[in-house]
Amino acid sequence: MLVAAPTVLRRGDTGAAVSDLQHRLAAAGCDPGGSETGEFGPATEEAVRAFQTARGLRTDGICGPQTWGSLVEAGYRLGDRLLYAHQPMLRGDDVSDLQRRLSALGFNVGKVDGMFGPDTAHALSQFQRAAGLAADGIGGPATLAAMARLGKRDGAPADPAPVAVIHERERLRQAPRQLAGRQVALGQPGGLDALVSAASRALSARGAVVVPLPQLDGSEQADAANRLKADVFVGFVLDPERDGCEIAYWRSPQGHLSEGGRRLAGLLCAPFRATLGDAGQVSEVGMALPVLRETRMPAVVCTFGPAVVPLGASVTEHLAAAVDEWCAQPFDES
């Protein structure tokens, strides 16, 4: 029997929740094997790490809320349930599949993020009208069957990512090409107040309208930035186990990404490498962290090790310069 997981599962835990975790890992293609059934041992920890890596999550071998939620989402296949606008939003691999199919047929779902939000609901209703169905915004058997028929007939591409890319590029192309007057949301869950304050001053000095979002988790930061309609989001996270800095941008487990976020992450890497020197390496990586997934604007999350924090002023000056340069060219036009 499948049961609800506790808040955190880690090595050494036992019981029905661990058995459920192992069942879900196996279904997601990360089978820990049968030697540890009901026991969270080394094989289960390695399977959790493999799943986290595949899904673009923090790879720590611990099944916390984000990992558990992603496991639940991975268990949904298109057709398993009705898909429709709901609060909280329906999430899952079935939603991602629906979004990809709509995009392949030319309907704009926005970010292919596995969340059934307003853009997906609107695109689904548009498809239903075009297919001669009742435009109820519900992804049920009749709608999925029509989508499958039209997809085959029209020779829809297997990877519709360029549709989302075109729409993101158009939004960025129409935006002002300078930092002055642009709204920059700065988020952090805690522990980096001085660094974020320095970043706020550096960005404000270049004319940005800075909105700090302190002491919030990733989803809360995304919600606040979305309600503010910020132009760009920059998150900060302190990781005591890390050397240097990791700069993450949105990339889904299926490979869809934010070009604006990737461009900003790339611009941040070079000056950070020059600034940090022996403080450690700087890496750029596509991830599916909640704040990157849920923000409606280009976003990056900078995860710093303790050695970076004392470099505050020089780091944040480079950050402000990178955001300024990003405004001038927010995506790679090559």
Protein backbone atom coordinates (compact mmCIF):
# COMPACT_ATOMS: atom_id res chain seq x y z
CA MET A 1 0.00 0.00 0.00
CA LEU A 2 1.30 3.47 -0.90
CA VAL A 3 1.45 5.86 2.04
CA ALA A 4 2.22 9.52 2.53
CA ALA A 5 5.88 10.21 3.19
CA PRO A 6 7.07 12.04 6.28
CA THR A 7 8.73 15.43 5.84
CA VAL A 8 12.18 13.91 5.26
CA LEU A 9 13.47 10.42 4.52
CA ARG A 10 17.19 9.69 4.79
CA ARG A 11 19.67 6.87 5.34
CA GLY A 12 18.80 4.83 8.40
CA ASP A 13 15.03 5.32 8.15
CA THR A 14 12.76 2.29 7.94
CA GLY A 15 9.09 1.50 7.47
CA ALA A 16 6.20 1.75 5.03
CA ALA A 17 7.16 5.25 3.86
CA VAL A 18 10.61 3.99 2.80
CA SER A 19 8.98 1.09 0.94
CA ASP A 20 6.74 3.59 -0.85
CA LEU A 21 9.78 5.71 -1.73
CA GLN A 22 11.57 2.69 -3.16
CA HIS A 23 8.50 1.74 -5.20
CA ARG A 24 8.28 5.25 -6.68
CA LEU A 25 12.02 5.36 -7.42
CA ALA A 26 11.79 2.07 -9.31
CA ALA A 27 8.79 3.32 -11.31
CA ALA A 28 10.80 6.45 -12.20
CA GLY A 29 13.69 4.36 -13.55
CA CYS A 30 15.95 4.63 -10.50
CA ASP A 31 15.45 1.20 -8.97
CA PRO A 32 17.36 0.72 -5.69
CA GLY A 33 16.95 -3.07 -5.99
CA GLY A 34 15.22 -5.43 -3.59
CA SER A 35 17.93 -5.88 -0.98
CA GLU A 36 16.82 -2.91 1.14
CA THR A 37 13.01 -3.16 1.01
CA GLY A 38 11.65 -0.95 3.76
CA GLU A 39 15.17 0.16 4.78
CA PHE A 40 16.87 3.37 3.59
CA GLY A 41 20.40 2.11 2.97
CA PRO A 42 23.24 2.98 0.57
CA ALA A 43 21.43 1.62 -2.52
CA THR A 44 18.33 3.69 -1.79
CA GLU A 45 20.42 6.78 -1.15
CA GLU A 46 22.20 6.30 -4.48
CA ALA A 47 18.83 5.86 -6.23
CA VAL A 48 17.57 9.09 -4.67
CA ARG A 49 20.70 10.88 -5.88
CA ALA A 50 20.22 9.51 -9.40
CA PHE A 51 16.60 10.65 -9.42
CA GLN A 52 17.49 14.12 -8.10
CA THR A 53 20.15 14.54 -10.79
CA ALA A 54 17.77 13.44 -13.54
CA ARG A 55 15.06 15.84 -12.33
CA GLY A 56 17.30 18.89 -11.89
CA LEU A 57 17.07 18.99 -8.09
CA ARG A 58 19.70 19.48 -5.41
CA THR A 59 21.59 16.20 -5.25
CA ASP A 60 21.97 15.27 -1.58
CA GLY A 61 20.53 11.74 -1.36
CA ILE A 62 17.83 12.91 1.07
CA CYS A 63 14.16 12.67 0.14
CA GLY A 64 12.73 15.99 1.30
CA PRO A 65 9.53 17.72 0.17
CA GLN A 66 10.90 18.77 -3.24
CA THR A 67 12.19 15.29 -4.08
CA TRP A 68 9.01 13.62 -2.85
CA GLY A 69 6.84 16.02 -4.83
CA SER A 70 8.87 15.37 -7.96
CA LEU A 71 8.52 11.60 -7.44
CA VAL A 72 4.75 11.97 -7.20
CA GLU A 73 4.70 14.07 -10.37
CA ALA A 74 6.86 11.53 -12.20
CA GLY A 75 4.18 8.90 -11.57
CA TYR A 76 1.51 10.61 -13.69
CA ARG A 77 1.06 9.62 -17.34
CA LEU A 78 -1.10 11.56 -19.77
CA GLY A 79 -4.61 10.13 -19.58
CA ASP A 80 -4.33 9.00 -15.95
CA ARG A 81 -6.55 11.88 -14.80
CA LEU A 82 -8.50 14.87 -16.08
CA LEU A 83 -6.33 17.97 -16.45
CA TYR A 84 -7.89 21.37 -15.81
CA ALA A 85 -7.36 24.70 -14.05
CA HIS A 86 -7.32 24.15 -10.30
CA GLN A 87 -5.96 25.74 -7.14
CA PRO A 88 -3.41 24.61 -6.22
CA MET A 89 -2.27 23.95 -9.78
CA LEU A 90 -2.19 20.39 -11.03
CA ARG A 91 1.43 19.31 -11.51
CA GLY A 92 2.98 16.27 -13.10
CA ASP A 93 4.66 14.64 -16.05
CA ASP A 94 1.22 14.28 -17.64
CA VAL A 95 0.89 18.09 -17.62
CA SER A 96 4.35 18.41 -19.22
CA ASP A 97 3.30 15.93 -21.91
CA LEU A 98 0.10 17.89 -22.59
CA GLN A 99 2.08 21.13 -22.82
CA ARG A 100 4.57 19.61 -25.26
CA ARG A 101 1.78 18.31 -27.48
CA LEU A 102 -0.02 21.65 -27.51
CA SER A 103 3.24 23.44 -28.32
CA ALA A 104 3.94 20.99 -31.13
CA LEU A 105 0.57 21.95 -32.63
CA GLY A 106 1.40 25.66 -32.41
CA PHE A 107 -0.49 26.63 -29.24
CA ASN A 108 1.39 28.80 -26.75
CA VAL A 109 1.48 27.24 -23.29
CA GLY A 110 4.29 29.50 -22.06
CA LYS A 111 6.93 27.65 -20.08
CA VAL A 112 6.78 23.85 -20.46
CA ASP A 113 6.96 23.40 -16.72
CA GLY A 114 4.54 20.62 -15.82
CA MET A 115 2.15 23.05 -14.07
CA PHE A 116 -1.40 23.52 -15.36
CA GLY A 117 -1.59 27.31 -15.13
CA PRO A 118 -3.54 30.02 -17.00
CA ASP A 119 -1.38 29.85 -20.14
CA THR A 120 -1.89 26.10 -20.45
CA ALA A 121 -5.64 26.43 -19.81
CA HIS A 122 -5.93 29.11 -22.51
CA ALA A 123 -3.88 27.09 -25.02
CA LEU A 124 -6.00 24.00 -24.36
CA SER A 125 -9.24 25.93 -24.90
CA GLN A 126 -7.85 27.35 -28.14
CA PHE A 127 -6.97 23.86 -29.34
CA GLN A 128 -10.44 22.57 -28.47
CA ARG A 129 -12.09 25.36 -30.48
CA ALA A 130 -9.83 24.65 -33.44
CA ALA A 131 -10.64 20.93 -33.22
CA GLY A 132 -14.39 21.53 -33.04
CA LEU A 133 -14.70 20.40 -29.43
CA ALA A 134 -16.39 22.04 -26.48
CA ALA A 135 -13.87 24.62 -25.24
CA ASP A 136 -14.11 23.64 -21.58
CA GLY A 137 -10.37 23.75 -20.86
CA ILE A 138 -10.39 20.16 -19.60
CA GLY A 139 -7.88 17.66 -20.90
CA GLY A 140 -10.02 14.52 -21.05
CA PRO A 141 -10.19 11.47 -23.36
CA ALA A 142 -11.91 13.22 -26.30
CA THR A 143 -9.44 16.11 -26.28
CA LEU A 144 -6.41 13.83 -25.99
CA ALA A 145 -7.71 11.64 -28.83
CA ALA A 146 -8.17 14.69 -31.08
CA MET A 147 -4.71 15.91 -30.17
CA ALA A 148 -3.20 12.55 -31.07
CA ARG A 149 -5.03 12.47 -34.44
CA LEU A 150 -4.00 16.00 -35.40
CA GLY A 151 -0.44 15.48 -34.22
CA LYS A 152 -0.04 12.48 -36.53
CA ARG A 153 -1.77 14.20 -39.46
CA ASP A 154 0.20 17.43 -39.19
CA GLY A 155 3.54 15.73 -38.61
CA ALA A 156 4.15 17.66 -35.39
CA PRO A 157 7.80 17.80 -34.31
CA ALA A 158 8.94 15.51 -31.51
CA ASP A 159 10.49 18.45 -29.64
CA PRO A 160 8.37 21.62 -29.68
CA ALA A 161 10.78 23.61 -27.50
CA PRO A 162 11.39 26.26 -30.22
CA VAL A 163 7.75 27.42 -29.88
CA ALA A 164 8.29 28.43 -26.25
CA VAL A 165 11.68 29.89 -27.12
CA ILE A 166 10.18 32.11 -29.81
CA HIS A 167 7.60 33.52 -27.40
CA GLU A 168 10.19 34.14 -24.68
CA ARG A 169 12.50 35.83 -27.17
CA GLU A 170 9.70 38.09 -28.38
CA ARG A 171 8.87 39.20 -24.83
CA LEU A 172 12.53 39.94 -24.14
CA ARG A 173 12.97 41.68 -27.49
CA GLN A 174 10.14 44.09 -26.67
CA ALA A 175 11.52 44.91 -23.20
CA PRO A 176 13.69 48.01 -22.59
CA ARG A 177 17.36 47.39 -23.31
CA GLN A 178 18.74 49.14 -20.22
CA LEU A 179 18.75 48.31 -16.51
CA ALA A 180 17.54 51.76 -15.42
CA GLY A 181 13.89 51.52 -14.45
CA ARG A 182 13.75 47.71 -14.67
CA GLN A 183 12.43 45.81 -11.67
CA VAL A 184 14.85 43.26 -10.19
CA ALA A 185 13.60 40.84 -7.52
CA LEU A 186 16.29 39.57 -5.12
CA GLY A 187 15.36 36.48 -3.13
CA GLN A 188 17.01 34.49 -0.37
CA PRO A 189 15.79 32.05 2.29
CA GLY A 190 18.14 33.53 4.91
CA GLY A 191 21.78 33.78 5.93
CA LEU A 192 22.94 36.19 3.22
CA ASP A 193 21.43 39.49 4.33
CA ALA A 194 24.67 41.47 3.97
CA LEU A 195 25.40 40.08 0.51
CA VAL A 196 21.87 40.75 -0.73
CA SER A 197 21.97 44.29 0.71
CA ALA A 198 25.22 44.92 -1.16
CA ALA A 199 23.68 43.56 -4.37
CA SER A 200 20.66 45.81 -3.87
CA ARG A 201 22.89 48.88 -3.51
CA ALA A 202 24.96 47.97 -6.58
CA LEU A 203 21.87 47.44 -8.74
CA SER A 204 20.16 50.60 -7.44
CA ALA A 205 23.26 52.61 -8.30
CA ARG A 206 22.73 51.55 -11.92
CA GLY A 207 19.10 52.68 -11.86
CA ALA A 208 17.34 49.38 -11.18
CA VAL A 209 14.18 49.22 -9.08
CA VAL A 210 15.19 46.55 -6.55
CA VAL A 211 12.63 44.50 -4.61
CA PRO A 212 14.17 42.32 -1.86
CA LEU A 213 12.29 39.13 -1.03
CA PRO A 214 14.01 37.92 2.17
CA GLN A 215 13.25 34.97 4.42
CA LEU A 216 10.99 33.19 1.94
CA ASP A 217 11.28 29.70 0.46
CA GLY A 218 11.57 29.18 -3.29
CA SER A 219 7.85 28.93 -4.07
CA GLU A 220 7.06 31.97 -1.93
CA GLN A 221 9.79 33.95 -3.68
CA ALA A 222 8.40 32.96 -7.09
CA ASP A 223 4.86 33.90 -6.10
CA ALA A 224 5.97 37.31 -4.80
CA ALA A 225 8.08 38.03 -7.91
CA ASN A 226 5.21 37.01 -10.18
CA ARG A 227 2.73 39.25 -8.36
CA LEU A 228 5.18 42.14 -8.66
CA LYS A 229 5.67 41.37 -12.39
CA ALA A 230 9.42 41.71 -11.94
CA ASP A 231 11.58 41.83 -15.07
CA VAL A 232 14.20 39.44 -13.70
CA PHE A 233 14.75 37.37 -10.57
CA VAL A 234 18.10 36.72 -8.88
CA GLY A 235 18.15 34.30 -5.96
CA PHE A 236 20.88 33.73 -3.38
CA VAL A 237 21.44 30.57 -1.34
CA LEU A 238 24.15 29.81 1.23
CA ASP A 239 25.45 26.24 1.15
CA PRO A 240 27.97 25.52 3.96
CA GLU A 241 29.19 22.41 2.11
CA ARG A 242 30.04 24.21 -1.12
CA ASP A 243 33.23 25.83 -2.38
CA GLY A 244 32.78 28.71 -4.80
CA CYS A 245 29.49 29.34 -6.57
CA GLU A 246 26.89 27.52 -8.65
CA ILE A 247 24.60 29.58 -10.91
CA ALA A 248 21.40 27.80 -11.90
CA TYR A 249 18.81 28.68 -14.55
CA TRP A 250 15.53 26.94 -15.47
CA ARG A 251 15.84 23.68 -17.34
CA SER A 252 13.11 21.03 -17.20
CA PRO A 253 13.83 17.29 -16.86
CA GLN A 254 12.72 17.01 -20.52
CA GLY A 255 15.33 19.56 -21.62
CA HIS A 256 13.18 22.69 -22.10
CA LEU A 257 14.87 25.80 -20.77
CA SER A 258 14.70 29.56 -20.33
CA GLU A 259 17.02 31.20 -22.83
CA GLY A 260 16.89 34.46 -20.88
CA GLY A 261 17.86 32.68 -17.68
CA ARG A 262 20.66 30.76 -19.37
CA ARG A 263 22.04 33.96 -20.89
CA LEU A 264 22.11 35.69 -17.49
CA ALA A 265 23.73 32.68 -15.81
CA GLY A 266 26.43 32.66 -18.47
CA LEU A 267 27.10 36.38 -18.04
CA LEU A 268 27.49 35.91 -14.29
CA CYS A 269 30.00 33.07 -14.60
CA ALA A 270 32.98 34.86 -16.19
CA PRO A 271 33.28 37.79 -13.76
CA PHE A 272 32.55 35.55 -10.78
CA ARG A 273 35.38 33.24 -11.80
CA ALA A 274 37.72 36.22 -12.03
CA THR A 275 36.58 37.53 -8.62
CA LEU A 276 36.54 34.29 -6.65
CA GLY A 277 39.95 33.00 -7.64
CA ASP A 278 40.99 30.49 -4.99
CA ALA A 279 37.59 30.63 -3.28
CA GLY A 280 36.51 27.77 -5.52
CA GLN A 281 35.04 27.03 -8.90
CA VAL A 282 32.03 28.66 -10.52
CA SER A 283 29.62 26.44 -12.42
CA GLU A 284 26.58 27.12 -14.59
CA VAL A 285 23.82 24.51 -14.56
CA GLY A 286 20.24 24.07 -15.72
CA MET A 287 17.96 22.97 -12.87
CA ALA A 288 14.27 22.56 -12.02
CA LEU A 289 14.34 24.16 -8.57
CA PRO A 290 10.88 25.40 -7.49
CA VAL A 291 11.79 29.09 -7.73
CA LEU A 292 13.17 28.62 -11.26
CA ARG A 293 10.23 26.53 -12.32
CA GLU A 294 7.55 28.82 -10.91
CA THR A 295 8.86 32.30 -11.80
CA ARG A 296 7.28 33.82 -14.91
CA MET A 297 10.35 35.91 -15.75
CA PRO A 298 14.00 34.97 -16.50
CA ALA A 299 15.57 33.82 -13.25
CA VAL A 300 18.82 32.55 -11.80
CA VAL A 301 19.78 31.19 -8.39
CA CYS A 302 23.34 31.77 -7.15
CA THR A 303 24.40 29.22 -4.53
CA PHE A 304 27.45 30.39 -2.59
CA GLY A 305 29.86 28.61 -0.27
CA PRO A 306 31.04 30.35 2.93
CA ALA A 307 34.30 31.52 1.31
CA VAL A 308 32.37 33.73 -1.10
CA VAL A 309 30.46 35.75 1.49
CA PRO A 310 33.41 37.92 2.66
CA LEU A 311 33.97 39.00 -0.96
CA GLY A 312 30.55 40.72 -0.90
CA ALA A 313 31.18 44.14 -2.45
CA SER A 314 33.33 42.97 -5.36
CA VAL A 315 30.98 40.05 -6.11
CA THR A 316 27.87 42.22 -6.12
CA GLU A 317 29.45 44.88 -8.33
CA HIS A 318 30.11 42.18 -10.91
CA LEU A 319 26.58 40.87 -10.47
CA ALA A 320 25.09 44.31 -11.14
CA ALA A 321 27.29 44.73 -14.22
CA ALA A 322 26.18 41.32 -15.52
CA VAL A 323 22.49 42.16 -15.06
CA ASP A 324 23.09 45.48 -16.85
CA GLU A 325 24.74 43.67 -19.75
CA TRP A 326 21.90 41.13 -19.79
CA CYS A 327 19.33 43.90 -20.19
CA ALA A 328 21.19 45.12 -23.27
CA GLN A 329 21.16 41.61 -24.78
CA PRO A 330 18.87 39.26 -22.83
CA PHE A 331 19.31 36.19 -25.04
CA ASP A 332 21.89 34.77 -27.39
CA GLU A 333 20.91 35.83 -30.91
CA SER A 334 23.43 33.62 -32.66
